[in-house]
Structure formats: C-alpha cells, structure tokens
Protein backbone atom coordinates (compact mmCIF):
# COMPACT_ATOMS: atom_id res chain seq x y z
CA MET A 1 12.46 -86.10 -34.66
CA SER A 2 10.53 -84.99 -31.55
CA PRO A 3 7.33 -86.77 -30.60
CA ARG A 4 4.13 -85.07 -31.71
CA LEU A 5 2.51 -83.23 -28.80
CA ASP A 6 -1.09 -82.14 -28.27
CA VAL A 7 -0.78 -78.45 -27.28
CA LEU A 8 -3.49 -76.08 -26.01
CA VAL A 9 -2.65 -72.38 -26.43
CA VAL A 10 -4.69 -70.07 -24.17
CA ASP A 11 -4.32 -66.34 -24.83
CA ASP A 12 -6.75 -63.47 -25.35
CA ASP A 13 -4.53 -61.96 -28.08
CA PRO A 14 -5.31 -63.59 -31.44
CA ALA A 15 -1.93 -62.55 -32.91
CA ILE A 16 -0.07 -64.40 -30.17
CA ARG A 17 -2.28 -67.48 -30.57
CA ASP A 18 -1.70 -67.43 -34.34
CA ALA A 19 2.08 -67.06 -33.99
CA LEU A 20 2.35 -69.88 -31.46
CA ARG A 21 0.08 -72.11 -33.55
CA LEU A 22 2.18 -71.56 -36.67
CA ILE A 23 5.45 -72.28 -34.85
CA LEU A 24 4.10 -75.38 -33.11
CA GLU A 25 2.36 -76.79 -36.20
CA HIS A 26 5.53 -76.24 -38.24
CA ALA A 27 7.33 -78.32 -35.60
CA GLY A 28 4.76 -81.09 -36.16
CA HIS A 29 2.55 -80.64 -33.11
CA ALA A 30 -1.25 -80.65 -32.92
CA VAL A 31 -2.50 -77.28 -31.67
CA SER A 32 -5.84 -76.09 -30.38
CA GLU A 33 -6.61 -72.59 -29.16
CA ALA A 34 -8.76 -70.93 -26.50
CA GLU A 35 -9.29 -67.20 -26.17
CA THR A 36 -10.34 -67.24 -22.49
CA GLY A 37 -9.67 -69.24 -19.36
CA ASP A 38 -13.31 -70.32 -19.28
CA ARG A 39 -13.10 -71.62 -22.84
CA ALA A 40 -9.90 -73.51 -22.00
CA ILE A 41 -11.62 -75.22 -19.07
CA GLU A 42 -14.54 -76.19 -21.34
CA MET A 43 -12.10 -77.62 -23.89
CA LEU A 44 -10.36 -79.69 -21.21
CA ASP A 45 -13.53 -81.56 -20.27
CA GLY A 46 -12.60 -85.18 -21.01
CA ARG A 47 -9.33 -84.18 -22.67
CA ALA A 48 -5.76 -83.97 -21.42
CA PRO A 49 -3.35 -82.14 -23.74
CA ASP A 50 0.35 -82.81 -23.31
CA VAL A 51 1.14 -79.11 -22.92
CA ILE A 52 -0.87 -76.00 -22.06
CA LEU A 53 0.62 -72.59 -22.90
CA LEU A 54 -1.35 -70.26 -20.66
CA ASP A 55 -1.34 -66.45 -20.67
CA LEU A 56 -1.41 -65.04 -17.13
CA ASN A 57 -3.06 -61.69 -17.94
CA MET A 58 -6.48 -62.24 -19.48
CA PRO A 59 -9.83 -60.58 -18.86
CA GLY A 60 -12.30 -62.59 -16.82
CA ARG A 61 -10.67 -65.73 -15.44
CA ASP A 62 -6.95 -64.98 -15.52
CA GLY A 63 -4.21 -67.52 -16.09
CA LEU A 64 -3.61 -68.30 -12.41
CA GLU A 65 -7.32 -68.92 -11.80
CA THR A 66 -7.42 -71.11 -14.90
CA LEU A 67 -4.35 -73.01 -13.76
CA ALA A 68 -5.96 -73.68 -10.37
CA ARG A 69 -8.99 -75.20 -12.15
CA VAL A 70 -6.80 -77.30 -14.44
C-alpha cells in the first residue's frame, strides 16, 4: 500500500476539484481544495502538503504566479 499523502488541489473548476478529490481519497490520501491561487497561498500558511496539484489557467493569480509564491 502507498503511503498516505497530504494533497492540495487548486483549480477554479469545481467539477475538476471534485473528481480529483474523489480519486485521491479513494486511493487513501488526505485532500484539501482551493478555488483560487490566493486561497491556496492562504491555506499554505504554516502548512506544507506533500503534493500540490495546481491548475495553470485560473482567473486572478494564475498557476505560475501561485507557484512562484509557493
């Protein structure tokens, strides 16, 4: 069995976030979600997930800008 990972899914499309969450939770991972790059940055304050799945095309702070802040 794979180790349990803490995964942050960042995507402005709720259907994509839901699909990824379902797949990852079914695989036994802990999943949290952010709908914007700004929200993801807020959620990372004092926290370091094992994996961040980050959409590149989002309104406001896009994925590359978010990645630079992470």
